[in-house]
Amino acid sequence: MNKPYVIYLLVDNNKVPFYVGATKNFIQRRKQHKYEATHRNTLPVHTKLKTLLNQGISLEDIMILKDDNLTKKQASKIEIRLIKTFNKEGVELCNIRKGGI
């Protein structure tokens, strides 16, 4: 069974998550987030990411691998569950969707 998916978090300088994501390519997704944050994208996640990068925090310290070796279905369920859990705990996420691939 092919399990190429990972779950990752974007965290602030206090290690509080502000975004939950799932991807098949963690390294490529990290590059995409950095590009989006530095090239006029105004979504809340990229605005917050740009602020942190401008403070000198490295993307490697912001983008944290949470779970890996997941199927698409597993990753989708975990992403949805994490977003719900963080929202219930009062963590303010920048996710636009409720999760799911």
C-alpha atoms as a PDB file:
ATOM      1  CA  MET A   1       0.000   0.000   0.000  1.00  0.00           C
ATOM      2  CA  ASN A   2       1.389   3.388  -1.031  1.00  0.00           C
ATOM      3  CA  LYS A   3       1.482   5.890   1.872  1.00  0.00           C
ATOM      4  CA  PRO A   4       2.954   9.100   0.519  1.00  0.00           C
ATOM      5  CA  TYR A   5       1.053  11.673   2.579  1.00  0.00           C
ATOM      6  CA  VAL A   6       2.217  13.727   5.537  1.00  0.00           C
ATOM      7  CA  ILE A   7       0.507  16.087   7.970  1.00  0.00           C
ATOM      8  CA  TYR A   8       2.337  19.274   8.916  1.00  0.00           C
ATOM      9  CA  LEU A   9       1.790  22.304  11.104  1.00  0.00           C
ATOM     10  CA  LEU A  10       2.841  25.886  10.638  1.00  0.00           C
ATOM     11  CA  VAL A  11       3.644  27.246  14.094  1.00  0.00           C
ATOM     12  CA  ASP A  12       4.393  30.716  15.390  1.00  0.00           C
ATOM     13  CA  ASN A  13       7.426  31.761  17.438  1.00  0.00           C
ATOM     14  CA  ASN A  14       5.693  30.355  20.555  1.00  0.00           C
ATOM     15  CA  LYS A  15       5.169  26.990  18.783  1.00  0.00           C
ATOM     16  CA  VAL A  16       1.403  27.571  18.637  1.00  0.00           C
ATOM     17  CA  PRO A  17      -0.064  26.180  15.398  1.00  0.00           C
ATOM     18  CA  PHE A  18      -1.657  28.611  12.975  1.00  0.00           C
ATOM     19  CA  TYR A  19      -2.152  26.235  10.046  1.00  0.00           C
ATOM     20  CA  VAL A  20      -2.683  22.499   9.542  1.00  0.00           C
ATOM     21  CA  GLY A  21      -1.827  20.986   6.182  1.00  0.00           C
ATOM     22  CA  ALA A  22      -1.492  17.701   4.334  1.00  0.00           C
ATOM     23  CA  THR A  23       0.722  17.045   1.349  1.00  0.00           C
ATOM     24  CA  LYS A  24       2.431  14.355  -0.685  1.00  0.00           C
ATOM     25  CA  ASN A  25       5.659  16.358  -0.944  1.00  0.00           C
ATOM     26  CA  PHE A  26       6.723  18.110   2.263  1.00  0.00           C
ATOM     27  CA  ILE A  27       9.824  19.775   0.759  1.00  0.00           C
ATOM     28  CA  GLN A  28       7.940  21.122  -2.264  1.00  0.00           C
ATOM     29  CA  ARG A  29       5.087  22.351  -0.073  1.00  0.00           C
ATOM     30  CA  ARG A  30       7.560  24.199   2.143  1.00  0.00           C
ATOM     31  CA  LYS A  31       8.932  25.964  -0.952  1.00  0.00           C
ATOM     32  CA  GLN A  32       5.394  26.815  -2.080  1.00  0.00           C
ATOM     33  CA  HIS A  33       4.500  28.328   1.293  1.00  0.00           C
ATOM     34  CA  LYS A  34       7.672  30.439   1.257  1.00  0.00           C
ATOM     35  CA  TYR A  35       7.010  31.628  -2.292  1.00  0.00           C
ATOM     36  CA  GLU A  36       3.385  32.458  -1.520  1.00  0.00           C
ATOM     37  CA  ALA A  37       4.392  34.372   1.616  1.00  0.00           C
ATOM     38  CA  THR A  38       6.989  36.441  -0.203  1.00  0.00           C
ATOM     39  CA  HIS A  39       5.145  37.113  -3.477  1.00  0.00           C
ATOM     40  CA  ARG A  40       2.042  39.196  -2.811  1.00  0.00           C
ATOM     41  CA  ASN A  41      -0.288  36.450  -1.606  1.00  0.00           C
ATOM     42  CA  THR A  42      -2.561  38.022   1.000  1.00  0.00           C
ATOM     43  CA  LEU A  43      -4.245  34.944   2.463  1.00  0.00           C
ATOM     44  CA  PRO A  44      -4.043  35.067   6.277  1.00  0.00           C
ATOM     45  CA  VAL A  45      -1.707  32.052   6.430  1.00  0.00           C
ATOM     46  CA  HIS A  46       0.787  33.692   4.094  1.00  0.00           C
ATOM     47  CA  THR A  47       0.548  37.088   5.779  1.00  0.00           C
ATOM     48  CA  LYS A  48       1.362  35.473   9.139  1.00  0.00           C
ATOM     49  CA  LEU A  49       4.119  33.376   7.585  1.00  0.00           C
ATOM     50  CA  LYS A  50       5.662  36.448   5.946  1.00  0.00           C
ATOM     51  CA  THR A  51       5.680  38.258   9.296  1.00  0.00           C
ATOM     52  CA  LEU A  52       7.498  35.357  10.960  1.00  0.00           C
ATOM     53  CA  LEU A  53      10.019  35.057   8.131  1.00  0.00           C
ATOM     54  CA  ASN A  54      10.654  38.816   8.307  1.00  0.00           C
ATOM     55  CA  GLN A  55      11.413  38.370  12.024  1.00  0.00           C
ATOM     56  CA  GLY A  56      14.241  36.054  11.021  1.00  0.00           C
ATOM     57  CA  ILE A  57      12.538  32.799  11.976  1.00  0.00           C
ATOM     58  CA  SER A  58      13.508  30.046   9.550  1.00  0.00           C
ATOM     59  CA  LEU A  59      10.870  28.162   7.633  1.00  0.00           C
ATOM     60  CA  GLU A  60      12.338  24.935   9.017  1.00  0.00           C
ATOM     61  CA  ASP A  61      11.392  26.162  12.519  1.00  0.00           C
ATOM     62  CA  ILE A  62       7.920  27.237  11.365  1.00  0.00           C
ATOM     63  CA  MET A  63       6.875  24.224   9.267  1.00  0.00           C
ATOM     64  CA  ILE A  64       6.829  21.130  11.475  1.00  0.00           C
ATOM     65  CA  LEU A  65       6.235  17.579  10.250  1.00  0.00           C
ATOM     66  CA  LYS A  66       3.499  16.046  12.425  1.00  0.00           C
ATOM     67  CA  ASP A  67       2.656  12.650  10.917  1.00  0.00           C
ATOM     68  CA  ASP A  68       4.031  10.837   7.901  1.00  0.00           C
ATOM     69  CA  ASN A  69       3.665   7.604   5.950  1.00  0.00           C
ATOM     70  CA  LEU A  70      -0.095   8.096   5.630  1.00  0.00           C
ATOM     71  CA  THR A  71      -2.596   7.145   2.972  1.00  0.00           C
ATOM     72  CA  LYS A  72      -4.642   9.931   1.428  1.00  0.00           C
ATOM     73  CA  LYS A  73      -7.660   8.829   3.485  1.00  0.00           C
ATOM     74  CA  GLN A  74      -5.672   8.738   6.732  1.00  0.00           C
ATOM     75  CA  ALA A  75      -4.131  12.156   6.080  1.00  0.00           C
ATOM     76  CA  SER A  76      -7.516  13.656   5.275  1.00  0.00           C
ATOM     77  CA  LYS A  77      -9.074  12.338   8.495  1.00  0.00           C
ATOM     78  CA  ILE A  78      -6.151  13.491  10.651  1.00  0.00           C
ATOM     79  CA  GLU A  79      -6.125  16.955   9.077  1.00  0.00           C
ATOM     80  CA  ILE A  80      -9.864  17.383   9.709  1.00  0.00           C
ATOM     81  CA  ARG A  81      -9.541  16.087  13.275  1.00  0.00           C
ATOM     82  CA  LEU A  82      -6.599  18.370  14.096  1.00  0.00           C
ATOM     83  CA  ILE A  83      -8.373  21.444  12.735  1.00  0.00           C
ATOM     84  CA  LYS A  84     -11.489  20.615  14.791  1.00  0.00           C
ATOM     85  CA  THR A  85      -9.410  19.946  17.908  1.00  0.00           C
ATOM     86  CA  PHE A  86      -7.415  23.172  17.635  1.00  0.00           C
ATOM     87  CA  ASN A  87     -10.587  25.168  16.984  1.00  0.00           C
ATOM     88  CA  LYS A  88     -12.262  23.652  20.073  1.00  0.00           C
ATOM     89  CA  GLU A  89      -9.178  24.536  22.128  1.00  0.00           C
ATOM     90  CA  GLY A  90      -9.451  28.142  20.971  1.00  0.00           C
ATOM     91  CA  VAL A  91      -6.358  28.030  18.755  1.00  0.00           C
ATOM     92  CA  GLU A  92      -6.832  30.554  15.966  1.00  0.00           C
ATOM     93  CA  LEU A  93      -5.982  28.815  12.699  1.00  0.00           C
ATOM     94  CA  CYS A  94      -5.597  30.418   9.284  1.00  0.00           C
ATOM     95  CA  ASN A  95      -7.065  27.410   7.473  1.00  0.00           C
ATOM     96  CA  ILE A  96      -9.777  28.483   5.060  1.00  0.00           C
ATOM     97  CA  ARG A  97     -11.254  25.003   4.669  1.00  0.00           C
ATOM     98  CA  LYS A  98     -12.142  22.518   7.389  1.00  0.00           C
ATOM     99  CA  GLY A  99      -9.518  20.125   6.051  1.00  0.00           C
ATOM    100  CA  GLY A 100      -9.578  17.015   3.947  1.00  0.00           C
ATOM    101  CA  ILE A 101      -7.764  16.195   0.767  1.00  0.00           C
END
